[in-house]
Protein backbone atom coordinates (compact mmCIF):
# COMPACT_ATOMS: atom_id res chain seq x y z
CA UNK A 1 116.95 33.17 78.98
CA UNK A 2 117.65 36.78 78.15
CA UNK A 3 119.01 38.76 81.05
CA UNK A 4 117.88 42.36 81.34
CA UNK A 5 118.40 43.00 85.05
CA UNK A 6 120.87 40.39 86.41
CA UNK A 7 119.95 40.84 90.09
CA UNK A 8 116.19 40.72 89.52
CA UNK A 9 116.38 37.92 86.95
CA UNK A 10 118.59 35.82 89.23
CA UNK A 11 116.16 36.33 92.13
CA UNK A 12 113.21 35.30 89.94
CA UNK A 13 115.09 32.21 88.76
CA UNK A 14 116.01 31.29 92.34
CA UNK A 15 112.40 31.77 93.48
CA UNK A 16 111.15 29.59 90.63
CA UNK A 17 113.66 26.79 91.26
CA UNK A 18 113.77 26.63 95.06
CA UNK A 19 110.68 28.51 96.15
CA UNK A 20 112.31 31.71 97.39
CA UNK A 21 111.53 32.72 100.96
CA UNK A 22 108.34 30.67 101.09
CA UNK A 23 110.18 27.62 102.46
CA UNK A 24 111.32 29.61 105.52
CA UNK A 25 107.81 30.92 106.03
CA UNK A 26 106.42 27.37 105.93
CA UNK A 27 108.67 26.07 108.71
CA UNK A 28 106.53 27.45 111.58
CA UNK A 29 103.41 26.00 109.95
CA UNK A 30 105.04 22.55 109.68
CA UNK A 31 106.22 22.77 113.29
CA UNK A 32 102.71 23.65 114.49
CA UNK A 33 101.16 20.77 112.53
CA UNK A 34 103.79 18.31 113.79
CA UNK A 35 103.26 19.50 117.36
CA UNK A 36 99.49 19.14 117.03
CA UNK A 37 99.88 15.64 115.54
CA UNK A 38 102.25 14.65 118.37
CA UNK A 39 99.69 15.85 120.92
CA UNK A 40 96.91 13.86 119.22
CA UNK A 41 99.07 10.72 119.32
CA UNK A 42 99.80 11.29 123.01
CA UNK A 43 96.13 11.90 123.92
CA UNK A 44 95.06 8.72 122.12
CA UNK A 45 97.84 6.63 123.69
CA UNK A 46 99.58 5.95 120.38
CA UNK A 47 102.90 7.73 121.02
CA UNK A 48 104.80 4.51 121.74
CA UNK A 49 103.73 3.02 118.39
CA UNK A 50 105.14 5.89 116.34
CA UNK A 51 108.85 6.38 115.75
CA UNK A 52 110.17 9.94 115.47
CA UNK A 53 112.70 11.48 113.08
CA UNK A 54 113.36 8.39 110.99
CA UNK A 55 116.12 8.77 108.40
CA UNK A 56 115.57 7.02 105.07
CA UNK A 57 117.74 6.90 101.96
CA UNK A 58 115.86 8.19 98.90
CA UNK A 59 117.21 6.07 96.04
CA UNK A 60 116.25 8.34 93.14
CA UNK A 61 117.63 11.52 94.69
CA UNK A 62 120.67 9.84 96.30
CA UNK A 63 120.09 11.60 99.60
CA UNK A 64 118.84 10.88 103.08
CA UNK A 65 115.53 12.38 104.18
CA UNK A 66 114.30 12.66 107.77
CA UNK A 67 110.63 11.85 108.27
CA UNK A 68 109.11 13.23 111.49
CA UNK A 69 106.84 10.21 112.02
CA UNK A 70 106.91 6.52 111.12
CA UNK A 71 104.80 3.54 112.10
CA UNK A 72 104.49 -0.07 111.00
CA UNK A 73 101.32 -2.01 110.25
CA UNK A 74 102.60 -4.77 108.01
CA UNK A 75 104.81 -2.36 106.10
CA UNK A 76 106.65 0.85 107.00
CA UNK A 77 104.58 4.04 106.78
CA UNK A 78 106.33 7.39 106.72
CA UNK A 79 104.57 10.65 107.54
CA UNK A 80 105.96 14.02 106.57
CA UNK A 81 104.22 17.37 106.81
CA UNK A 82 104.08 19.16 103.48
CA UNK A 83 102.85 22.71 103.08
CA UNK A 84 101.86 23.91 99.63
CA UNK A 85 101.95 27.57 98.72
CA UNK A 86 99.58 29.30 96.35
CA UNK A 87 101.90 29.22 93.33
CA UNK A 88 100.51 26.60 90.93
CA UNK A 89 103.89 25.83 89.33
CA UNK A 90 105.48 25.21 92.75
CA UNK A 91 102.54 23.02 93.81
CA UNK A 92 102.89 20.85 90.72
CA UNK A 93 106.67 20.65 91.08
CA UNK A 94 106.40 19.73 94.77
CA UNK A 95 103.69 17.14 94.11
CA UNK A 96 105.74 15.51 91.35
CA UNK A 97 108.82 15.38 93.56
CA UNK A 98 106.82 13.75 96.38
CA UNK A 99 105.41 11.19 93.92
CA UNK A 100 108.91 10.29 92.73
CA UNK A 101 110.09 10.00 96.36
CA UNK A 102 107.14 7.74 97.17
CA UNK A 103 107.71 5.50 94.16
CA UNK A 104 111.40 5.21 95.01
CA UNK A 105 110.59 4.26 98.59
CA UNK A 106 108.01 1.71 97.43
CA UNK A 107 110.56 0.09 95.11
CA UNK A 108 113.11 0.07 97.93
CA UNK A 109 110.86 -1.81 100.37
CA UNK A 110 109.44 -4.25 97.80
CA UNK A 111 112.86 -5.32 96.44
């Protein structure tokens, strides 16, 4: 990468790699969706069947992730709210990361 304007180029690189400020802007959207989902569970009498804030080790990424919702119907099911922006590259990157997480979790529970 050729650097012409270090500050601007670094900001662009940061935005490309971690999504810039968009992640902070998505937090209220995720909170609203999670709140709405929680209310739907309560109204339908399903709240007691769903665990909240379940921590799971992601084998491929060697980190622990907290999933807002989890339930069991023969196997564990994890639910996490994901908000996609309008940037196609970020959507593809995010989707691929989620697929790798899912495959790692599947391998973990089947072994």
